[in-house]
Amino acid sequence: MRQLKTCAVRTLLFSLAHPDDESFSGAGLACWCLSRGIRVVLACATRGEAGKAGDACISGAPSNVGGAREQELREAARIIGIEHLHLLGYRDRDLGDADPAAIRRQLVGLMREYRPQVVVTFDPNGFNRHPDHVAISRLTMDAVAAAADARWFADAGSPHRVARILWTPPLPPWEAARSANLHGEPGADFVIDISRWRDRKAAALRAHRTQHQSVDTHFFNQPDVDRILAIEVYRQAFGPSLASRPLDDPFDAIDASVD
């Protein structure tokens, strides 16, 4: 495993299940980080081959859905500005049956290579109870613990302790934007103003052409789409105590020089 000589570089790692998860759940945060010189790494467990192909008039109805979705993911990552993209190679809808030792090694290797202070993944209920979302949450939490323990995978780099894990929040974006008191909502521990990158998030979502039906339903067919695209909300799974809730900086109280 190549060891990056950038231990003090602030880094955020997304550990997600499918192409489009990054645009639904993290495009704005990624842009926020990149604008501040924070490195963003994306691990995507599957190619989404069990997903829908979409309307042929819009998506082209590809015969190879997994290949099409991988290309959509790469285009969305390019739009967002994510340079460090890792596809883990597991089958869509089968992630819960993946060999935990194999995916643990992959995720531990990435955590020790890039040494993120912050890791973002799904909450234990998978946000919408999708089995792959639930699985990647469990597997990511397992890997965070293993990455800090020198007894795991001595050949995968020196141990690394993640300072903070963020989960997807109880409220989906389209509901959070309409909350009369978002700051009082339980689980809204970080509320990130991403209005500056609204257009970029919209473009990343549109890059997932095969998933246009879901994207349109939840974003572009909504009358308040501009509000929905203006904020992202995260829940703290663990990390330094929060001085108040919500905060607007996911790196609050984290020293990048401390591993």
C-alpha atoms as a PDB file:
ATOM      1  CA  MET A   1       0.000   0.000   0.000  1.00  0.00           C
ATOM      2  CA  ARG A   2       1.450   3.353  -1.045  1.00  0.00           C
ATOM      3  CA  GLN A   3       1.763   5.608   2.014  1.00  0.00           C
ATOM      4  CA  LEU A   4       0.952   9.247   1.301  1.00  0.00           C
ATOM      5  CA  LYS A   5       3.286  11.712   2.996  1.00  0.00           C
ATOM      6  CA  THR A   6       0.468  14.060   3.894  1.00  0.00           C
ATOM      7  CA  CYS A   7      -0.516  13.143   7.430  1.00  0.00           C
ATOM      8  CA  ALA A   8      -1.369  16.767   8.285  1.00  0.00           C
ATOM      9  CA  VAL A   9      -3.572  17.279   5.226  1.00  0.00           C
ATOM     10  CA  ARG A  10      -7.203  17.700   6.196  1.00  0.00           C
ATOM     11  CA  THR A  11      -9.127  14.897   4.525  1.00  0.00           C
ATOM     12  CA  LEU A  12     -12.730  13.723   4.372  1.00  0.00           C
ATOM     13  CA  LEU A  13     -13.642  10.220   3.204  1.00  0.00           C
ATOM     14  CA  PHE A  14     -17.079   9.268   1.917  1.00  0.00           C
ATOM     15  CA  SER A  15     -17.814   5.545   2.289  1.00  0.00           C
ATOM     16  CA  LEU A  16     -21.004   4.889   0.308  1.00  0.00           C
ATOM     17  CA  ALA A  17     -22.830   2.088  -1.453  1.00  0.00           C
ATOM     18  CA  HIS A  18     -23.864   3.176  -4.964  1.00  0.00           C
ATOM     19  CA  PRO A  19     -23.220   5.618  -7.770  1.00  0.00           C
ATOM     20  CA  ASP A  20     -25.484   8.638  -7.052  1.00  0.00           C
ATOM     21  CA  ASP A  21     -25.174   8.328  -3.232  1.00  0.00           C
ATOM     22  CA  GLU A  22     -22.422  10.942  -3.387  1.00  0.00           C
ATOM     23  CA  SER A  23     -24.642  13.395  -5.266  1.00  0.00           C
ATOM     24  CA  PHE A  24     -27.754  12.794  -3.179  1.00  0.00           C
ATOM     25  CA  SER A  25     -25.933  12.911   0.133  1.00  0.00           C
ATOM     26  CA  GLY A  26     -22.589  14.648  -0.159  1.00  0.00           C
ATOM     27  CA  ALA A  27     -21.944  16.739  -3.274  1.00  0.00           C
ATOM     28  CA  GLY A  28     -22.356  20.018  -1.405  1.00  0.00           C
ATOM     29  CA  LEU A  29     -20.144  18.969   1.501  1.00  0.00           C
ATOM     30  CA  ALA A  30     -17.509  17.782  -0.960  1.00  0.00           C
ATOM     31  CA  CYS A  31     -17.555  21.179  -2.690  1.00  0.00           C
ATOM     32  CA  TRP A  32     -17.409  22.929   0.682  1.00  0.00           C
ATOM     33  CA  CYS A  33     -14.316  20.892   1.587  1.00  0.00           C
ATOM     34  CA  LEU A  34     -12.557  21.324  -1.725  1.00  0.00           C
ATOM     35  CA  SER A  35     -13.040  25.099  -1.598  1.00  0.00           C
ATOM     36  CA  ARG A  36     -11.076  25.071   1.664  1.00  0.00           C
ATOM     37  CA  GLY A  37      -8.234  22.878   0.434  1.00  0.00           C
ATOM     38  CA  ILE A  38      -9.591  19.782   2.181  1.00  0.00           C
ATOM     39  CA  ARG A  39      -8.913  16.580   0.291  1.00  0.00           C
ATOM     40  CA  VAL A  40     -12.013  14.521  -0.550  1.00  0.00           C
ATOM     41  CA  VAL A  41     -11.889  10.753  -1.085  1.00  0.00           C
ATOM     42  CA  LEU A  42     -14.852   8.682  -2.282  1.00  0.00           C
ATOM     43  CA  ALA A  43     -15.161   4.933  -1.771  1.00  0.00           C
ATOM     44  CA  CYS A  44     -18.137   3.434  -3.614  1.00  0.00           C
ATOM     45  CA  ALA A  45     -18.866  -0.198  -2.799  1.00  0.00           C
ATOM     46  CA  THR A  46     -20.867  -1.199  -5.900  1.00  0.00           C
ATOM     47  CA  ARG A  47     -21.478  -0.173  -9.515  1.00  0.00           C
ATOM     48  CA  GLY A  48     -25.243  -0.036  -8.983  1.00  0.00           C
ATOM     49  CA  GLU A  49     -25.921  -2.707 -11.592  1.00  0.00           C
ATOM     50  CA  ALA A  50     -29.213  -3.755  -9.960  1.00  0.00           C
ATOM     51  CA  GLY A  51     -30.629  -0.240 -10.365  1.00  0.00           C
ATOM     52  CA  LYS A  52     -33.094   0.940 -12.959  1.00  0.00           C
ATOM     53  CA  ALA A  53     -31.972   1.868 -16.462  1.00  0.00           C
ATOM     54  CA  GLY A  54     -34.311   4.856 -16.649  1.00  0.00           C
ATOM     55  CA  ASP A  55     -36.444   6.165 -19.505  1.00  0.00           C
ATOM     56  CA  ALA A  56     -34.809   5.282 -22.823  1.00  0.00           C
ATOM     57  CA  CYS A  57     -35.542   8.770 -24.171  1.00  0.00           C
ATOM     58  CA  ILE A  58     -33.434  10.292 -21.402  1.00  0.00           C
ATOM     59  CA  SER A  59     -30.949   7.671 -20.258  1.00  0.00           C
ATOM     60  CA  GLY A  60     -30.455   5.791 -23.490  1.00  0.00           C
ATOM     61  CA  ALA A  61     -31.599   2.593 -21.694  1.00  0.00           C
ATOM     62  CA  PRO A  62     -28.118   1.013 -21.537  1.00  0.00           C
ATOM     63  CA  SER A  63     -27.895  -2.763 -21.727  1.00  0.00           C
ATOM     64  CA  ASN A  64     -24.983  -2.673 -19.266  1.00  0.00           C
ATOM     65  CA  VAL A  65     -26.489  -0.759 -16.355  1.00  0.00           C
ATOM     66  CA  GLY A  66     -23.451  -1.234 -14.133  1.00  0.00           C
ATOM     67  CA  GLY A  67     -21.088   0.120 -16.764  1.00  0.00           C
ATOM     68  CA  ALA A  68     -23.354   3.085 -17.448  1.00  0.00           C
ATOM     69  CA  ARG A  69     -23.688   3.904 -13.772  1.00  0.00           C
ATOM     70  CA  GLU A  70     -19.942   3.698 -13.252  1.00  0.00           C
ATOM     71  CA  GLN A  71     -19.441   6.244 -16.025  1.00  0.00           C
ATOM     72  CA  GLU A  72     -22.155   8.438 -14.502  1.00  0.00           C
ATOM     73  CA  LEU A  73     -20.360   8.249 -11.168  1.00  0.00           C
ATOM     74  CA  ARG A  74     -17.070   9.248 -12.740  1.00  0.00           C
ATOM     75  CA  GLU A  75     -18.735  12.186 -14.469  1.00  0.00           C
ATOM     76  CA  ALA A  76     -20.439  13.299 -11.244  1.00  0.00           C
ATOM     77  CA  ALA A  77     -17.121  13.051  -9.389  1.00  0.00           C
ATOM     78  CA  ARG A  78     -15.484  15.172 -12.107  1.00  0.00           C
ATOM     79  CA  ILE A  79     -18.205  17.802 -11.809  1.00  0.00           C
ATOM     80  CA  ILE A  80     -17.897  17.907  -8.031  1.00  0.00           C
ATOM     81  CA  GLY A  81     -14.104  17.925  -8.198  1.00  0.00           C
ATOM     82  CA  ILE A  82     -13.416  14.599  -6.468  1.00  0.00           C
ATOM     83  CA  GLU A  83     -10.090  13.280  -7.749  1.00  0.00           C
ATOM     84  CA  HIS A  84      -9.731  10.300  -5.414  1.00  0.00           C
ATOM     85  CA  LEU A  85     -12.430   7.792  -6.404  1.00  0.00           C
ATOM     86  CA  HIS A  86     -12.226   4.129  -5.435  1.00  0.00           C
ATOM     87  CA  LEU A  87     -14.698   1.483  -6.655  1.00  0.00           C
ATOM     88  CA  LEU A  88     -14.612  -1.492  -4.292  1.00  0.00           C
ATOM     89  CA  GLY A  89     -16.159  -3.943  -6.743  1.00  0.00           C
ATOM     90  CA  TYR A  90     -19.042  -5.538  -4.828  1.00  0.00           C
ATOM     91  CA  ARG A  91     -22.384  -6.537  -6.329  1.00  0.00           C
ATOM     92  CA  ASP A  92     -25.332  -4.219  -5.992  1.00  0.00           C
ATOM     93  CA  ARG A  93     -27.999  -5.557  -3.605  1.00  0.00           C
ATOM     94  CA  ASP A  94     -25.547  -8.190  -2.334  1.00  0.00           C
ATOM     95  CA  LEU A  95     -23.320  -5.980  -0.211  1.00  0.00           C
ATOM     96  CA  GLY A  96     -24.706  -7.420   3.018  1.00  0.00           C
ATOM     97  CA  ASP A  97     -23.368 -10.826   1.963  1.00  0.00           C
ATOM     98  CA  ALA A  98     -19.887  -9.554   1.100  1.00  0.00           C
ATOM     99  CA  ASP A  99     -16.931 -11.102   2.878  1.00  0.00           C
ATOM    100  CA  PRO A 100     -16.428  -8.722   5.825  1.00  0.00           C
ATOM    101  CA  ALA A 101     -12.726  -9.519   6.011  1.00  0.00           C
ATOM    102  CA  ALA A 102     -12.200  -8.521   2.380  1.00  0.00           C
ATOM    103  CA  ILE A 103     -14.030  -5.209   2.549  1.00  0.00           C
ATOM    104  CA  ARG A 104     -12.514  -4.478   5.955  1.00  0.00           C
ATOM    105  CA  ARG A 105      -9.062  -4.765   4.397  1.00  0.00           C
ATOM    106  CA  GLN A 106     -10.016  -2.469   1.511  1.00  0.00           C
ATOM    107  CA  LEU A 107     -11.497   0.227   3.724  1.00  0.00           C
ATOM    108  CA  VAL A 108      -8.725   0.008   6.306  1.00  0.00           C
ATOM    109  CA  GLY A 109      -6.207   0.347   3.484  1.00  0.00           C
ATOM    110  CA  LEU A 110      -7.896   3.519   2.245  1.00  0.00           C
ATOM    111  CA  MET A 111      -8.145   4.990   5.734  1.00  0.00           C
ATOM    112  CA  ARG A 112      -4.479   4.332   6.428  1.00  0.00           C
ATOM    113  CA  GLU A 113      -3.414   5.626   3.021  1.00  0.00           C
ATOM    114  CA  TYR A 114      -5.411   8.869   3.030  1.00  0.00           C
ATOM    115  CA  ARG A 115      -5.693   9.272   6.845  1.00  0.00           C
ATOM    116  CA  PRO A 116      -9.036  11.124   6.938  1.00  0.00           C
ATOM    117  CA  GLN A 117      -9.993  13.061  10.011  1.00  0.00           C
ATOM    118  CA  VAL A 118     -13.680  12.820   9.033  1.00  0.00           C
ATOM    119  CA  VAL A 119     -15.538   9.850   7.542  1.00  0.00           C
ATOM    120  CA  VAL A 120     -19.085  10.136   6.161  1.00  0.00           C
ATOM    121  CA  THR A 121     -21.356   7.136   5.703  1.00  0.00           C
ATOM    122  CA  PHE A 122     -24.976   6.098   6.092  1.00  0.00           C
ATOM    123  CA  ASP A 123     -26.640   5.887   9.472  1.00  0.00           C
ATOM    124  CA  PRO A 124     -27.263   2.360  10.851  1.00  0.00           C
ATOM    125  CA  ASN A 125     -30.725   2.300   9.263  1.00  0.00           C
ATOM    126  CA  GLY A 126     -29.240   3.092   5.866  1.00  0.00           C
ATOM    127  CA  PHE A 127     -31.161   6.390   5.565  1.00  0.00           C
ATOM    128  CA  ASN A 128     -34.008   4.654   3.711  1.00  0.00           C
ATOM    129  CA  ARG A 129     -33.408   1.067   4.901  1.00  0.00           C
ATOM    130  CA  HIS A 130     -31.805   0.038   1.628  1.00  0.00           C
ATOM    131  CA  PRO A 131     -29.888  -3.159   2.490  1.00  0.00           C
ATOM    132  CA  ASP A 132     -26.686  -1.950   0.811  1.00  0.00           C
ATOM    133  CA  HIS A 133     -26.848   1.339   2.732  1.00  0.00           C
ATOM    134  CA  VAL A 134     -27.270  -0.565   5.990  1.00  0.00           C
ATOM    135  CA  ALA A 135     -24.382  -2.844   5.054  1.00  0.00           C
ATOM    136  CA  ILE A 136     -21.909  -0.081   4.148  1.00  0.00           C
ATOM    137  CA  SER A 137     -22.697   1.699   7.411  1.00  0.00           C
ATOM    138  CA  ARG A 138     -21.881  -1.429   9.405  1.00  0.00           C
ATOM    139  CA  LEU A 139     -18.800  -2.236   7.353  1.00  0.00           C
ATOM    140  CA  THR A 140     -17.464   1.323   7.548  1.00  0.00           C
ATOM    141  CA  MET A 141     -17.834   1.471  11.325  1.00  0.00           C
ATOM    142  CA  ASP A 142     -16.010  -1.860  11.546  1.00  0.00           C
ATOM    143  CA  ALA A 143     -13.184  -0.564   9.363  1.00  0.00           C
ATOM    144  CA  VAL A 144     -12.812   2.670  11.348  1.00  0.00           C
ATOM    145  CA  ALA A 145     -12.198   0.626  14.489  1.00  0.00           C
ATOM    146  CA  ALA A 146      -9.801  -1.730  12.720  1.00  0.00           C
ATOM    147  CA  ALA A 147      -7.839   1.098  11.070  1.00  0.00           C
ATOM    148  CA  ALA A 148      -6.816   2.396  14.503  1.00  0.00           C
ATOM    149  CA  ASP A 149      -5.639  -1.017  15.735  1.00  0.00           C
ATOM    150  CA  ALA A 150      -2.097  -2.004  14.749  1.00  0.00           C
ATOM    151  CA  ARG A 151      -2.979  -5.699  15.037  1.00  0.00           C
ATOM    152  CA  TRP A 152      -5.140  -5.484  11.915  1.00  0.00           C
ATOM    153  CA  PHE A 153      -3.362  -5.679   8.542  1.00  0.00           C
ATOM    154  CA  ALA A 154       0.174  -4.706   9.471  1.00  0.00           C
ATOM    155  CA  ASP A 155       1.000  -4.638   5.750  1.00  0.00           C
ATOM    156  CA  ALA A 156      -1.670  -1.995   5.040  1.00  0.00           C
ATOM    157  CA  GLY A 157       0.138   0.947   6.607  1.00  0.00           C
ATOM    158  CA  SER A 158       0.456   2.447  10.054  1.00  0.00           C
ATOM    159  CA  PRO A 159      -2.644   2.685  12.242  1.00  0.00           C
ATOM    160  CA  HIS A 160      -4.910   5.681  11.819  1.00  0.00           C
ATOM    161  CA  ARG A 161      -7.585   7.006  14.148  1.00  0.00           C
ATOM    162  CA  VAL A 162     -10.538   8.766  12.542  1.00  0.00           C
ATOM    163  CA  ALA A 163     -11.537  11.772  14.631  1.00  0.00           C
ATOM    164  CA  ARG A 164     -15.180  12.090  13.596  1.00  0.00           C
ATOM    165  CA  ILE A 165     -17.813   9.998  11.820  1.00  0.00           C
ATOM    166  CA  LEU A 166     -20.811  11.690  10.264  1.00  0.00           C
ATOM    167  CA  TRP A 167     -24.006   9.862   9.349  1.00  0.00           C
ATOM    168  CA  THR A 168     -26.794  10.779   7.011  1.00  0.00           C
ATOM    169  CA  PRO A 169     -29.478  12.529   9.094  1.00  0.00           C
ATOM    170  CA  PRO A 170     -32.996  11.395  10.029  1.00  0.00           C
ATOM    171  CA  LEU A 171     -34.483  14.030   7.711  1.00  0.00           C
ATOM    172  CA  PRO A 172     -33.989  13.646   3.932  1.00  0.00           C
ATOM    173  CA  PRO A 173     -32.882  16.815   2.090  1.00  0.00           C
ATOM    174  CA  TRP A 174     -36.343  17.567   0.706  1.00  0.00           C
ATOM    175  CA  GLU A 175     -37.806  17.530   4.242  1.00  0.00           C
ATOM    176  CA  ALA A 176     -34.915  19.333   5.932  1.00  0.00           C
ATOM    177  CA  ALA A 177     -35.327  22.277   3.559  1.00  0.00           C
ATOM    178  CA  ARG A 178     -38.938  22.662   4.677  1.00  0.00           C
ATOM    179  CA  SER A 179     -38.382  22.358   8.423  1.00  0.00           C
ATOM    180  CA  ALA A 180     -39.669  25.375  10.295  1.00  0.00           C
ATOM    181  CA  ASN A 181     -36.966  24.825  12.913  1.00  0.00           C
ATOM    182  CA  LEU A 182     -34.144  22.848  11.328  1.00  0.00           C
ATOM    183  CA  HIS A 183     -31.725  23.841  14.080  1.00  0.00           C
ATOM    184  CA  GLY A 184     -34.041  22.211  16.609  1.00  0.00           C
ATOM    185  CA  GLU A 185     -34.389  18.928  14.724  1.00  0.00           C
ATOM    186  CA  PRO A 186     -32.756  15.961  16.524  1.00  0.00           C
ATOM    187  CA  GLY A 187     -29.912  14.589  14.434  1.00  0.00           C
ATOM    188  CA  ALA A 188     -29.213  17.906  12.691  1.00  0.00           C
ATOM    189  CA  ASP A 189     -25.746  18.186  14.235  1.00  0.00           C
ATOM    190  CA  PHE A 190     -24.103  19.857  11.231  1.00  0.00           C
ATOM    191  CA  VAL A 191     -25.989  22.079   8.807  1.00  0.00           C
ATOM    192  CA  ILE A 192     -23.814  23.074   5.870  1.00  0.00           C
ATOM    193  CA  ASP A 193     -24.730  26.033   3.671  1.00  0.00           C
ATOM    194  CA  ILE A 194     -23.996  24.795   0.162  1.00  0.00           C
ATOM    195  CA  SER A 195     -25.931  27.461  -1.751  1.00  0.00           C
ATOM    196  CA  ARG A 196     -22.672  28.620  -3.352  1.00  0.00           C
ATOM    197  CA  TRP A 197     -22.396  25.211  -5.062  1.00  0.00           C
ATOM    198  CA  ARG A 198     -26.086  24.671  -5.787  1.00  0.00           C
ATOM    199  CA  ASP A 199     -25.524  24.549  -9.554  1.00  0.00           C
ATOM    200  CA  ARG A 200     -22.662  22.098  -9.221  1.00  0.00           C
ATOM    201  CA  LYS A 201     -24.713  19.754  -7.050  1.00  0.00           C
ATOM    202  CA  ALA A 202     -27.562  19.982  -9.558  1.00  0.00           C
ATOM    203  CA  ALA A 203     -25.186  19.101 -12.401  1.00  0.00           C
ATOM    204  CA  ALA A 204     -23.791  16.139 -10.450  1.00  0.00           C
ATOM    205  CA  LEU A 205     -27.308  14.850  -9.824  1.00  0.00           C
ATOM    206  CA  ARG A 206     -28.179  15.228 -13.503  1.00  0.00           C
ATOM    207  CA  ALA A 207     -25.068  13.262 -14.446  1.00  0.00           C
ATOM    208  CA  HIS A 208     -26.833  10.159 -13.098  1.00  0.00           C
ATOM    209  CA  ARG A 209     -29.007   9.877 -16.188  1.00  0.00           C
ATOM    210  CA  THR A 210     -30.167   6.320 -15.536  1.00  0.00           C
ATOM    211  CA  GLN A 211     -31.469   7.454 -12.140  1.00  0.00           C
ATOM    212  CA  HIS A 212     -33.300  10.513 -13.459  1.00  0.00           C
ATOM    213  CA  GLN A 213     -36.687   9.321 -12.222  1.00  0.00           C
ATOM    214  CA  SER A 214     -35.588   9.262  -8.585  1.00  0.00           C
ATOM    215  CA  VAL A 215     -33.493  12.412  -8.985  1.00  0.00           C
ATOM    216  CA  ASP A 216     -36.370  14.311 -10.574  1.00  0.00           C
ATOM    217  CA  THR A 217     -38.901  13.075  -8.004  1.00  0.00           C
ATOM    218  CA  HIS A 218     -36.846  14.137  -5.018  1.00  0.00           C
ATOM    219  CA  PHE A 219     -35.156  17.234  -6.400  1.00  0.00           C
ATOM    220  CA  PHE A 220     -36.017  18.794  -9.741  1.00  0.00           C
ATOM    221  CA  ASN A 221     -39.777  18.226  -9.691  1.00  0.00           C
ATOM    222  CA  GLN A 222     -40.059  19.870  -6.282  1.00  0.00           C
ATOM    223  CA  PRO A 223     -41.309  23.482  -6.238  1.00  0.00           C
ATOM    224  CA  ASP A 224     -38.644  24.471  -3.693  1.00  0.00           C
ATOM    225  CA  VAL A 225     -35.710  22.739  -5.389  1.00  0.00           C
ATOM    226  CA  ASP A 226     -33.438  25.756  -4.847  1.00  0.00           C
ATOM    227  CA  ARG A 227     -33.922  25.474  -1.081  1.00  0.00           C
ATOM    228  CA  ILE A 228     -33.404  21.714  -1.174  1.00  0.00           C
ATOM    229  CA  LEU A 229     -30.102  22.182  -3.029  1.00  0.00           C
ATOM    230  CA  ALA A 230     -28.896  24.891  -0.644  1.00  0.00           C
ATOM    231  CA  ILE A 231     -28.195  22.845   2.501  1.00  0.00           C
ATOM    232  CA  GLU A 232     -26.851  19.483   3.586  1.00  0.00           C
ATOM    233  CA  VAL A 233     -27.393  18.054   7.050  1.00  0.00           C
ATOM    234  CA  TYR A 234     -25.328  15.475   8.934  1.00  0.00           C
ATOM    235  CA  ARG A 235     -25.566  13.650  12.244  1.00  0.00           C
ATOM    236  CA  GLN A 236     -22.491  13.024  14.385  1.00  0.00           C
ATOM    237  CA  ALA A 237     -21.959   9.332  15.113  1.00  0.00           C
ATOM    238  CA  PHE A 238     -18.896  10.021  17.205  1.00  0.00           C
ATOM    239  CA  GLY A 239     -16.250  12.680  17.538  1.00  0.00           C
ATOM    240  CA  PRO A 240     -15.300  15.666  19.685  1.00  0.00           C
ATOM    241  CA  SER A 241     -18.119  17.084  21.769  1.00  0.00           C
ATOM    242  CA  LEU A 242     -20.160  19.706  19.954  1.00  0.00           C
ATOM    243  CA  ALA A 243     -20.140  23.128  21.601  1.00  0.00           C
ATOM    244  CA  SER A 244     -23.590  23.741  20.133  1.00  0.00           C
ATOM    245  CA  ARG A 245     -25.966  22.139  17.659  1.00  0.00           C
ATOM    246  CA  PRO A 246     -25.945  22.491  14.759  1.00  0.00           C
ATOM    247  CA  LEU A 247     -22.422  23.497  13.766  1.00  0.00           C
ATOM    248  CA  ASP A 248     -21.469  24.594  10.266  1.00  0.00           C
ATOM    249  CA  ASP A 249     -17.945  23.119  10.087  1.00  0.00           C
ATOM    250  CA  PRO A 250     -17.499  19.327  10.143  1.00  0.00           C
ATOM    251  CA  PHE A 251     -13.835  19.830  11.070  1.00  0.00           C
ATOM    252  CA  ASP A 252     -14.711  21.824  14.194  1.00  0.00           C
ATOM    253  CA  ALA A 253     -12.421  20.918  17.129  1.00  0.00           C
ATOM    254  CA  ILE A 254     -10.300  18.583  14.973  1.00  0.00           C
ATOM    255  CA  ASP A 255      -6.560  19.128  14.682  1.00  0.00           C
ATOM    256  CA  ALA A 256      -5.326  17.788  11.356  1.00  0.00           C
ATOM    257  CA  SER A 257      -1.811  17.324  12.724  1.00  0.00           C
ATOM    258  CA  VAL A 258      -2.957  14.813  15.335  1.00  0.00           C
ATOM    259  CA  ASP A 259      -3.305  11.242  14.067  1.00  0.00           C
END
